[in-house]
C-alpha atoms as a PDB file:
ATOM      1  CA  MET A   1       4.012 -19.318 -51.912  1.00  0.00           C
ATOM      2  CA  LYS A   2       1.548 -15.910 -53.628  1.00  0.00           C
ATOM      3  CA  TYR A   3      -1.491 -17.989 -52.591  1.00  0.00           C
ATOM      4  CA  LEU A   4      -0.461 -18.766 -48.590  1.00  0.00           C
ATOM      5  CA  THR A   5       0.820 -15.461 -48.259  1.00  0.00           C
ATOM      6  CA  SER A   6      -2.851 -13.635 -49.480  1.00  0.00           C
ATOM      7  CA  LEU A   7      -4.803 -15.700 -46.867  1.00  0.00           C
ATOM      8  CA  LYS A   8      -2.301 -14.946 -44.247  1.00  0.00           C
ATOM      9  CA  LEU A   9      -4.073 -10.982 -45.514  1.00  0.00           C
ATOM     10  CA  LEU A  10      -6.891 -12.525 -45.309  1.00  0.00           C
ATOM     11  CA  VAL A  11      -6.882 -13.335 -41.364  1.00  0.00           C
ATOM     12  CA  PHE A  12      -4.928 -10.282 -40.723  1.00  0.00           C
ATOM     13  CA  SER A  13      -8.078  -8.148 -42.196  1.00  0.00           C
ATOM     14  CA  VAL A  14     -11.050 -10.501 -40.889  1.00  0.00           C
ATOM     15  CA  PHE A  15      -9.208 -10.485 -37.509  1.00  0.00           C
ATOM     16  CA  PHE A  16      -8.681  -6.843 -37.075  1.00  0.00           C
ATOM     17  CA  TYR A  17     -12.212  -6.568 -38.354  1.00  0.00           C
ATOM     18  CA  LEU A  18     -13.499  -9.257 -35.224  1.00  0.00           C
ATOM     19  CA  ILE A  19     -12.314  -7.337 -32.865  1.00  0.00           C
ATOM     20  CA  THR A  20     -13.679  -3.997 -34.499  1.00  0.00           C
ATOM     21  CA  PRO A  21     -17.562  -4.238 -33.450  1.00  0.00           C
ATOM     22  CA  VAL A  22     -19.390  -1.410 -35.408  1.00  0.00           C
ATOM     23  CA  VAL A  23     -21.174   0.815 -32.435  1.00  0.00           C
ATOM     24  CA  PHE A  24     -22.066   3.730 -34.761  1.00  0.00           C
ATOM     25  CA  GLY A  25     -25.044   3.812 -31.480  1.00  0.00           C
ATOM     26  CA  GLN A  26     -22.862   4.424 -28.850  1.00  0.00           C
ATOM     27  CA  ASN A  27     -21.559   7.762 -27.859  1.00  0.00           C
ATOM     28  CA  ASN A  28     -18.216   9.208 -30.049  1.00  0.00           C
ATOM     29  CA  ASN A  29     -16.915  10.761 -26.420  1.00  0.00           C
ATOM     30  CA  SER A  30     -16.425   7.223 -25.348  1.00  0.00           C
ATOM     31  CA  ILE A  31     -14.885   6.319 -27.971  1.00  0.00           C
ATOM     32  CA  TYR A  32     -12.970   9.342 -28.889  1.00  0.00           C
ATOM     33  CA  LYS A  33     -11.021  12.110 -27.536  1.00  0.00           C
ATOM     34  CA  VAL A  34      -9.166  14.770 -29.573  1.00  0.00           C
ATOM     35  CA  ASN A  35      -5.971  16.782 -28.771  1.00  0.00           C
ATOM     36  CA  LYS A  36      -5.088  19.846 -29.987  1.00  0.00           C
ATOM     37  CA  VAL A  37      -1.804  18.529 -31.180  1.00  0.00           C
ATOM     38  CA  ALA A  38       0.433  21.645 -33.069  1.00  0.00           C
ATOM     39  CA  ASP A  39      -1.614  24.952 -34.793  1.00  0.00           C
ATOM     40  CA  LYS A  40      -4.279  23.519 -36.766  1.00  0.00           C
ATOM     41  CA  VAL A  41      -3.486  19.785 -35.684  1.00  0.00           C
ATOM     42  CA  TRP A  42      -5.675  17.085 -34.032  1.00  0.00           C
ATOM     43  CA  ALA A  43      -5.263  13.803 -32.605  1.00  0.00           C
ATOM     44  CA  ILE A  44      -8.355  11.599 -32.460  1.00  0.00           C
ATOM     45  CA  VAL A  45      -7.405   9.144 -30.206  1.00  0.00           C
ATOM     46  CA  GLU A  46      -9.954   6.161 -30.679  1.00  0.00           C
ATOM     47  CA  SER A  47     -10.715   3.546 -26.911  1.00  0.00           C
ATOM     48  CA  ALA A  48      -9.529   0.191 -27.839  1.00  0.00           C
ATOM     49  CA  GLU A  49      -6.979  -2.592 -25.891  1.00  0.00           C
ATOM     50  CA  THR A  50      -4.582  -0.799 -27.750  1.00  0.00           C
ATOM     51  CA  PRO A  51      -5.869   3.139 -29.135  1.00  0.00           C
ATOM     52  CA  VAL A  52      -5.161   4.639 -32.431  1.00  0.00           C
ATOM     53  CA  ASN A  53      -4.276   7.510 -33.654  1.00  0.00           C
ATOM     54  CA  ILE A  54      -6.588  10.015 -36.316  1.00  0.00           C
ATOM     55  CA  TYR A  55      -5.033  13.474 -36.625  1.00  0.00           C
ATOM     56  CA  LEU A  56      -7.104  15.970 -38.044  1.00  0.00           C
ATOM     57  CA  VAL A  57      -4.351  18.450 -40.922  1.00  0.00           C
ATOM     58  CA  GLU A  58      -6.149  21.571 -41.142  1.00  0.00           C
ATOM     59  CA  GLY A  59      -5.802  24.023 -44.419  1.00  0.00           C
ATOM     60  CA  LYS A  60      -7.358  27.242 -45.595  1.00  0.00           C
ATOM     61  CA  ASP A  61      -9.171  25.429 -48.210  1.00  0.00           C
ATOM     62  CA  SER A  62      -9.755  21.725 -46.981  1.00  0.00           C
ATOM     63  CA  ALA A  63      -9.182  19.560 -44.105  1.00  0.00           C
ATOM     64  CA  MET A  64      -7.110  16.301 -43.753  1.00  0.00           C
ATOM     65  CA  ILE A  65      -7.541  12.578 -42.356  1.00  0.00           C
ATOM     66  CA  ILE A  66      -4.691  11.225 -41.687  1.00  0.00           C
ATOM     67  CA  ASP A  67      -5.944   7.110 -41.268  1.00  0.00           C
ATOM     68  CA  THR A  68      -9.532   6.310 -39.938  1.00  0.00           C
ATOM     69  CA  GLY A  69      -8.819   3.503 -36.837  1.00  0.00           C
ATOM     70  CA  TYR A  70     -10.790   1.059 -36.194  1.00  0.00           C
ATOM     71  CA  GLY A  71     -13.926   1.770 -37.633  1.00  0.00           C
ATOM     72  CA  ARG A  72     -15.711   0.898 -34.546  1.00  0.00           C
ATOM     73  CA  GLY A  73     -17.692   4.783 -33.839  1.00  0.00           C
ATOM     74  CA  ASP A  74     -18.715   8.089 -36.532  1.00  0.00           C
ATOM     75  CA  LEU A  75     -15.375   9.008 -37.428  1.00  0.00           C
ATOM     76  CA  ILE A  76     -17.195  11.843 -39.874  1.00  0.00           C
ATOM     77  CA  THR A  77     -19.882  12.927 -38.005  1.00  0.00           C
ATOM     78  CA  PHE A  78     -16.863  13.625 -34.754  1.00  0.00           C
ATOM     79  CA  VAL A  79     -15.226  15.151 -37.321  1.00  0.00           C
ATOM     80  CA  LYS A  80     -17.930  17.505 -38.580  1.00  0.00           C
ATOM     81  CA  THR A  81     -17.647  19.211 -35.335  1.00  0.00           C
ATOM     82  CA  LEU A  82     -14.148  20.241 -35.063  1.00  0.00           C
ATOM     83  CA  THR A  83     -14.043  21.715 -39.079  1.00  0.00           C
ATOM     84  CA  LYS A  84     -16.325  22.366 -41.486  1.00  0.00           C
ATOM     85  CA  LEU A  85     -13.643  22.168 -44.601  1.00  0.00           C
ATOM     86  CA  PRO A  86     -13.343  19.554 -47.297  1.00  0.00           C
ATOM     87  CA  LEU A  87     -12.302  16.775 -46.251  1.00  0.00           C
ATOM     88  CA  ILE A  88      -9.907  14.232 -47.714  1.00  0.00           C
ATOM     89  CA  VAL A  89      -8.693  11.313 -46.530  1.00  0.00           C
ATOM     90  CA  VAL A  90      -5.157   9.656 -45.983  1.00  0.00           C
ATOM     91  CA  ASN A  91      -4.574   5.685 -45.647  1.00  0.00           C
ATOM     92  CA  THR A  92      -0.764   5.854 -43.888  1.00  0.00           C
ATOM     93  CA  HIS A  93      -0.829   1.787 -44.676  1.00  0.00           C
ATOM     94  CA  GLY A  94      -3.471  -0.727 -45.068  1.00  0.00           C
ATOM     95  CA  HIS A  95      -4.131  -2.522 -41.542  1.00  0.00           C
ATOM     96  CA  GLY A  96      -7.051  -2.591 -40.313  1.00  0.00           C
ATOM     97  CA  ASP A  97      -6.576  -0.219 -36.950  1.00  0.00           C
ATOM     98  CA  HIS A  98      -6.124   2.756 -40.025  1.00  0.00           C
ATOM     99  CA  ASP A  99      -8.060   2.028 -42.754  1.00  0.00           C
ATOM    100  CA  GLY A 100     -11.348   0.697 -40.375  1.00  0.00           C
ATOM    101  CA  ASN A 101     -13.460   3.665 -41.022  1.00  0.00           C
ATOM    102  CA  ASP A 102     -12.721   3.935 -45.172  1.00  0.00           C
ATOM    103  CA  SER A 103     -16.066   3.170 -45.799  1.00  0.00           C
ATOM    104  CA  GLN A 104     -18.137   6.670 -43.883  1.00  0.00           C
ATOM    105  CA  PHE A 105     -15.753   7.924 -47.287  1.00  0.00           C
ATOM    106  CA  SER A 106     -16.158   7.640 -50.950  1.00  0.00           C
ATOM    107  CA  LYS A 107     -12.367   8.461 -51.605  1.00  0.00           C
ATOM    108  CA  ILE A 108      -9.034   6.857 -49.681  1.00  0.00           C
ATOM    109  CA  TYR A 109      -5.724   7.939 -50.993  1.00  0.00           C
ATOM    110  CA  ALA A 110      -3.163   5.388 -50.369  1.00  0.00           C
ATOM    111  CA  HIS A 111       0.105   3.846 -52.002  1.00  0.00           C
ATOM    112  CA  PRO A 112      -1.324   0.984 -54.488  1.00  0.00           C
ATOM    113  CA  ALA A 113       0.740  -1.329 -53.219  1.00  0.00           C
ATOM    114  CA  ASP A 114      -1.269  -1.247 -49.866  1.00  0.00           C
ATOM    115  CA  PHE A 115      -4.683  -1.326 -52.119  1.00  0.00           C
ATOM    116  CA  GLY A 116      -5.323  -5.627 -51.614  1.00  0.00           C
ATOM    117  CA  MET A 117      -5.361  -4.904 -48.020  1.00  0.00           C
ATOM    118  CA  ILE A 118      -7.356  -1.717 -47.992  1.00  0.00           C
ATOM    119  CA  ASN A 119     -10.139  -3.720 -50.389  1.00  0.00           C
ATOM    120  CA  ALA A 120      -9.900  -6.820 -48.116  1.00  0.00           C
ATOM    121  CA  SER A 121     -11.342  -4.835 -45.219  1.00  0.00           C
ATOM    122  CA  PHE A 122     -14.112  -3.300 -47.603  1.00  0.00           C
ATOM    123  CA  ASN A 123     -15.940  -6.477 -48.680  1.00  0.00           C
ATOM    124  CA  LYS A 124     -19.515  -5.760 -49.547  1.00  0.00           C
ATOM    125  CA  GLU A 125     -21.317  -7.033 -46.171  1.00  0.00           C
ATOM    126  CA  LYS A 126     -19.153  -5.272 -44.422  1.00  0.00           C
ATOM    127  CA  ARG A 127     -19.387  -1.504 -45.672  1.00  0.00           C
ATOM    128  CA  ARG A 128     -23.576  -2.215 -45.472  1.00  0.00           C
ATOM    129  CA  LYS A 129     -22.786  -2.353 -41.472  1.00  0.00           C
ATOM    130  CA  THR A 130     -20.683   0.241 -41.684  1.00  0.00           C
ATOM    131  CA  VAL A 131     -21.934   4.033 -43.883  1.00  0.00           C
ATOM    132  CA  LEU A 132     -24.308   5.573 -41.979  1.00  0.00           C
ATOM    133  CA  PRO A 133     -27.730   4.794 -41.213  1.00  0.00           C
ATOM    134  CA  GLY A 134     -30.056   6.156 -44.290  1.00  0.00           C
ATOM    135  CA  GLU A 135     -26.783   6.375 -46.743  1.00  0.00           C
ATOM    136  CA  ALA A 136     -26.086   4.047 -49.787  1.00  0.00           C
ATOM    137  CA  VAL A 137     -23.001   1.932 -50.103  1.00  0.00           C
ATOM    138  CA  VAL A 138     -20.883   3.241 -52.848  1.00  0.00           C
ATOM    139  CA  PRO A 139     -18.244   1.674 -53.706  1.00  0.00           C
ATOM    140  CA  LEU A 140     -14.506   2.330 -52.236  1.00  0.00           C
ATOM    141  CA  THR A 141     -12.370   4.333 -54.768  1.00  0.00           C
ATOM    142  CA  LEU A 142      -8.539   4.194 -54.028  1.00  0.00           C
ATOM    143  CA  VAL A 143      -6.520   6.771 -55.320  1.00  0.00           C
ATOM    144  CA  PRO A 144      -2.953   6.606 -55.732  1.00  0.00           C
ATOM    145  CA  VAL A 145       0.112   8.180 -54.642  1.00  0.00           C
ATOM    146  CA  LYS A 146       3.420   7.914 -54.559  1.00  0.00           C
ATOM    147  CA  ASP A 147       6.600   9.222 -53.012  1.00  0.00           C
ATOM    148  CA  GLY A 148       6.328  13.195 -53.908  1.00  0.00           C
ATOM    149  CA  TYR A 149       2.469  13.478 -54.023  1.00  0.00           C
ATOM    150  CA  ILE A 150       1.837  17.092 -52.739  1.00  0.00           C
ATOM    151  CA  PHE A 151      -1.384  17.576 -50.898  1.00  0.00           C
ATOM    152  CA  ASN A 152      -1.933  21.208 -50.655  1.00  0.00           C
ATOM    153  CA  LEU A 153      -4.667  22.197 -48.500  1.00  0.00           C
ATOM    154  CA  GLY A 154      -4.150  25.989 -48.750  1.00  0.00           C
ATOM    155  CA  GLY A 155      -0.863  28.119 -47.071  1.00  0.00           C
ATOM    156  CA  ARG A 156      -0.813  24.140 -45.618  1.00  0.00           C
ATOM    157  CA  LYS A 157       0.964  21.277 -47.789  1.00  0.00           C
ATOM    158  CA  LEU A 158       1.477  17.940 -47.306  1.00  0.00           C
ATOM    159  CA  GLU A 159       4.080  15.078 -49.186  1.00  0.00           C
ATOM    160  CA  VAL A 160       4.269  11.822 -49.204  1.00  0.00           C
ATOM    161  CA  ILE A 161       7.505   9.792 -48.748  1.00  0.00           C
ATOM    162  CA  GLU A 162       7.195   6.156 -49.651  1.00  0.00           C
ATOM    163  CA  VAL A 163       8.406   4.233 -46.499  1.00  0.00           C
ATOM    164  CA  PRO A 164       8.439   0.458 -47.397  1.00  0.00           C
ATOM    165  CA  GLY A 165       8.624  -1.829 -44.056  1.00  0.00           C
ATOM    166  CA  HIS A 166       5.888  -2.137 -42.085  1.00  0.00           C
ATOM    167  CA  THR A 167       3.849  -2.215 -45.542  1.00  0.00           C
ATOM    168  CA  HIS A 168       4.854  -2.951 -48.937  1.00  0.00           C
ATOM    169  CA  GLY A 169       2.727   0.481 -49.107  1.00  0.00           C
ATOM    170  CA  SER A 170       3.966   2.152 -46.193  1.00  0.00           C
ATOM    171  CA  ILE A 171       3.992   6.075 -46.548  1.00  0.00           C
ATOM    172  CA  CYS A 172       4.634   8.743 -44.463  1.00  0.00           C
ATOM    173  CA  LEU A 173       3.194  12.486 -44.817  1.00  0.00           C
ATOM    174  CA  LEU A 174       5.354  15.436 -44.006  1.00  0.00           C
ATOM    175  CA  ASP A 175       4.143  18.570 -43.561  1.00  0.00           C
ATOM    176  CA  ALA A 176       7.449  20.440 -43.497  1.00  0.00           C
ATOM    177  CA  LYS A 177       6.314  24.569 -43.386  1.00  0.00           C
ATOM    178  CA  ASN A 178       5.025  23.449 -39.892  1.00  0.00           C
ATOM    179  CA  LYS A 179       7.989  21.189 -39.031  1.00  0.00           C
ATOM    180  CA  ILE A 180       5.800  17.787 -38.285  1.00  0.00           C
ATOM    181  CA  LEU A 181       5.905  14.169 -39.645  1.00  0.00           C
ATOM    182  CA  PHE A 182       3.679  11.862 -39.771  1.00  0.00           C
ATOM    183  CA  ALA A 183       4.445   8.292 -39.468  1.00  0.00           C
ATOM    184  CA  GLY A 184       1.422   6.031 -39.623  1.00  0.00           C
ATOM    185  CA  ASP A 185       3.539   2.778 -38.449  1.00  0.00           C
ATOM    186  CA  ASN A 186       6.777   3.592 -39.353  1.00  0.00           C
ATOM    187  CA  THR A 187       7.529   4.950 -36.428  1.00  0.00           C
ATOM    188  CA  ASN A 188       5.855   3.767 -32.747  1.00  0.00           C
ATOM    189  CA  THR A 189       7.590   2.980 -29.115  1.00  0.00           C
ATOM    190  CA  VAL A 190       7.377  -0.587 -31.039  1.00  0.00           C
ATOM    191  CA  VAL A 191       7.423  -1.131 -34.267  1.00  0.00           C
ATOM    192  CA  TRP A 192       5.599  -4.430 -35.895  1.00  0.00           C
ATOM    193  CA  LEU A 193       8.118  -6.012 -38.489  1.00  0.00           C
ATOM    194  CA  PHE A 194       7.435  -9.646 -38.143  1.00  0.00           C
ATOM    195  CA  LEU A 195       3.757  -9.738 -39.921  1.00  0.00           C
ATOM    196  CA  SER A 196       3.653 -11.580 -42.861  1.00  0.00           C
ATOM    197  CA  ASP A 197       3.761  -8.385 -45.298  1.00  0.00           C
ATOM    198  CA  CYS A 198       6.257  -6.702 -43.643  1.00  0.00           C
ATOM    199  CA  TYR A 199      10.134  -5.963 -45.685  1.00  0.00           C
ATOM    200  CA  PRO A 200      12.469  -7.570 -44.552  1.00  0.00           C
ATOM    201  CA  LEU A 201      14.164  -5.663 -41.161  1.00  0.00           C
ATOM    202  CA  GLU A 202      17.151  -4.114 -43.873  1.00  0.00           C
ATOM    203  CA  VAL A 203      14.374  -2.863 -46.379  1.00  0.00           C
ATOM    204  CA  TYR A 204      13.082  -0.533 -43.137  1.00  0.00           C
ATOM    205  CA  LEU A 205      15.820   0.368 -41.897  1.00  0.00           C
ATOM    206  CA  LYS A 206      16.489   1.931 -45.840  1.00  0.00           C
ATOM    207  CA  SER A 207      13.264   3.597 -44.815  1.00  0.00           C
ATOM    208  CA  LEU A 208      13.820   5.253 -41.620  1.00  0.00           C
ATOM    209  CA  GLN A 209      17.635   6.396 -43.309  1.00  0.00           C
ATOM    210  CA  LYS A 210      16.011   8.099 -45.406  1.00  0.00           C
ATOM    211  CA  VAL A 211      13.062   9.994 -43.337  1.00  0.00           C
ATOM    212  CA  GLU A 212      16.276  10.026 -40.801  1.00  0.00           C
ATOM    213  CA  LYS A 213      18.575  12.734 -43.910  1.00  0.00           C
ATOM    214  CA  ARG A 214      15.053  14.968 -43.823  1.00  0.00           C
ATOM    215  CA  SER A 215      15.259  15.145 -40.524  1.00  0.00           C
ATOM    216  CA  ASN A 216      15.859  18.915 -40.709  1.00  0.00           C
ATOM    217  CA  GLU A 217      12.340  19.466 -41.683  1.00  0.00           C
ATOM    218  CA  TYR A 218      11.052  18.389 -39.161  1.00  0.00           C
ATOM    219  CA  ASP A 219      10.903  18.753 -35.434  1.00  0.00           C
ATOM    220  CA  ILE A 220       8.801  15.803 -34.134  1.00  0.00           C
ATOM    221  CA  VAL A 221       7.446  12.881 -35.304  1.00  0.00           C
ATOM    222  CA  MET A 222       2.973  12.022 -34.521  1.00  0.00           C
ATOM    223  CA  PRO A 223       3.276   8.575 -34.461  1.00  0.00           C
ATOM    224  CA  GLY A 224       0.416   5.609 -35.551  1.00  0.00           C
ATOM    225  CA  HIS A 225       0.196   5.548 -32.099  1.00  0.00           C
ATOM    226  CA  ASN A 226       1.194   6.424 -27.883  1.00  0.00           C
ATOM    227  CA  GLU A 227       2.109  10.787 -27.884  1.00  0.00           C
ATOM    228  CA  PRO A 228       3.991  12.528 -30.644  1.00  0.00           C
ATOM    229  CA  LEU A 229       7.967  11.726 -30.722  1.00  0.00           C
ATOM    230  CA  PRO A 230      10.590  13.676 -30.909  1.00  0.00           C
ATOM    231  CA  LYS A 231      12.485  14.110 -34.447  1.00  0.00           C
ATOM    232  CA  ALA A 232      15.740  11.675 -32.644  1.00  0.00           C
ATOM    233  CA  PHE A 233      13.760   9.525 -31.597  1.00  0.00           C
ATOM    234  CA  ILE A 234      14.672   7.596 -35.751  1.00  0.00           C
ATOM    235  CA  SER A 235      18.422   7.375 -34.718  1.00  0.00           C
ATOM    236  CA  ASP A 236      17.242   4.788 -31.588  1.00  0.00           C
ATOM    237  CA  GLN A 237      15.009   3.655 -34.455  1.00  0.00           C
ATOM    238  CA  ILE A 238      17.811   3.219 -36.812  1.00  0.00           C
ATOM    239  CA  GLY A 239      20.408   1.935 -34.058  1.00  0.00           C
ATOM    240  CA  CYS A 240      17.925  -1.011 -32.808  1.00  0.00           C
ATOM    241  CA  VAL A 241      17.726  -2.214 -36.490  1.00  0.00           C
ATOM    242  CA  LYS A 242      21.254  -1.561 -37.351  1.00  0.00           C
ATOM    243  CA  SER A 243      22.477  -3.834 -34.293  1.00  0.00           C
ATOM    244  CA  ILE A 244      19.487  -6.849 -35.332  1.00  0.00           C
ATOM    245  CA  LEU A 245      20.919  -6.686 -38.207  1.00  0.00           C
ATOM    246  CA  ALA A 246      24.922  -6.910 -36.321  1.00  0.00           C
ATOM    247  CA  GLY A 247      23.759  -9.748 -34.203  1.00  0.00           C
ATOM    248  CA  THR A 248      24.448  -7.609 -31.699  1.00  0.00           C
ATOM    249  CA  CYS A 249      21.155  -6.862 -29.131  1.00  0.00           C
ATOM    250  CA  SER A 250      20.085  -9.126 -26.868  1.00  0.00           C
ATOM    251  CA  PRO A 251      16.232 -10.277 -28.541  1.00  0.00           C
ATOM    252  CA  LYS A 252      13.868 -12.104 -26.071  1.00  0.00           C
ATOM    253  CA  PRO A 253      10.006 -12.991 -27.547  1.00  0.00           C
ATOM    254  CA  TYR A 254       7.750 -11.172 -27.872  1.00  0.00           C
ATOM    255  CA  ASN A 255       4.715 -12.983 -26.435  1.00  0.00           C
ATOM    256  CA  LYS A 256       2.083 -11.020 -26.265  1.00  0.00           C
ATOM    257  CA  SER A 257       0.214 -13.522 -27.794  1.00  0.00           C
ATOM    258  CA  ALA A 258      -1.093 -16.705 -29.477  1.00  0.00           C
ATOM    259  CA  PHE A 259      -0.905 -14.096 -32.696  1.00  0.00           C
ATOM    260  CA  THR A 260       3.046 -12.557 -32.244  1.00  0.00           C
ATOM    261  CA  ALA A 261       4.150 -16.530 -32.036  1.00  0.00           C
ATOM    262  CA  GLY A 262       7.780 -16.744 -33.150  1.00  0.00           C
ATOM    263  CA  ALA A 263       8.493 -12.587 -33.094  1.00  0.00           C
ATOM    264  CA  MET A 264      11.490 -11.687 -31.484  1.00  0.00           C
ATOM    265  CA  LEU A 265      11.997  -7.703 -29.534  1.00  0.00           C
ATOM    266  CA  CYS A 266      14.712  -5.814 -29.560  1.00  0.00           C
ATOM    267  CA  ARG A 267      15.321  -2.405 -27.215  1.00  0.00           C
ATOM    268  CA  TYR A 268      17.741  -0.134 -28.479  1.00  0.00           C
ATOM    269  CA  GLN A 269      17.924   3.490 -26.023  1.00  0.00           C
ATOM    270  CA  THR A 270      14.043   3.993 -26.411  1.00  0.00           C
ATOM    271  CA  ALA A 271      13.044   2.312 -29.827  1.00  0.00           C
ATOM    272  CA  GLU A 272      11.835  -1.250 -29.534  1.00  0.00           C
ATOM    273  CA  VAL A 273      11.582  -3.949 -32.806  1.00  0.00           C
ATOM    274  CA  ALA A 274       9.212  -6.591 -32.963  1.00  0.00           C
ATOM    275  CA  TYR A 275      10.478  -8.615 -35.862  1.00  0.00           C
ATOM    276  CA  ASP A 276      10.517 -11.948 -37.203  1.00  0.00           C
ATOM    277  CA  PRO A 277      13.620 -13.628 -36.752  1.00  0.00           C
ATOM    278  CA  ASN A 278      13.734 -15.531 -40.388  1.00  0.00           C
ATOM    279  CA  ASN A 279      12.679 -12.028 -42.143  1.00  0.00           C
ATOM    280  CA  LEU A 280      16.023  -9.815 -41.862  1.00  0.00           C
ATOM    281  CA  ARG A 281      17.609  -9.695 -45.090  1.00  0.00           C
ATOM    282  CA  VAL A 282      16.606  -9.731 -48.754  1.00  0.00           C
ATOM    283  CA  LYS A 283      16.720 -12.921 -49.936  1.00  0.00           C
ATOM    284  CA  LYS A 284      18.998 -12.703 -53.018  1.00  0.00           C
END
């Protein structure tokens, strides 16, 4: 069973690799679009069939890149048009649409539970192809972070909150002073909980409840995909997951492609969850 799970994770990483060819020769302006979404915070949207958000957060001493996208463009050069500060790079989780440009950076902070997925995305051949022209291929150094870890950017602190569910090592980053929660794929208008590396829904529910308990510390949620969300959206997510576990929602097949075969979709208010009906509760 463990072997099959690892194989599925490898297939998932290869899937993202195949759909995100390296195009450093292409104009970055056709790949990345940037919007200032808060004070010293930019959302860099990488275009694709499913666009993904990369966030740049600036302090006085350093700047943080939250996720690196699919890896289709020259992210580091694009970021340097927005800030001249030293960069800290964090992955909210280990999926290929969020760690795809990790190869441009020598050090990546992430939760250790997702190290395997991140490393699977970056074999030696892919790193050779994705480094900038003239640069040497260097090993990818993964630095572990866990619940409560604080990044100090100088006058701006971001706290790591562990939110297992979408992946085993998913994290959010809380900027309490500026009332912002960077949620990765823990909070999106549609959250995927049907992948082989997802925890059961009841584990994900606890992660949502954990974040909601701290809702007095943020006003806006910066999701991994699409537009910023109000903090009340997380209550809708909780209601959606509870309705699935209670059997009170009216699910429908989440037939987006062969990749999503077997997944079901439930909606509650403004939130949707696509899930595996065979992975609802922790098996005892």
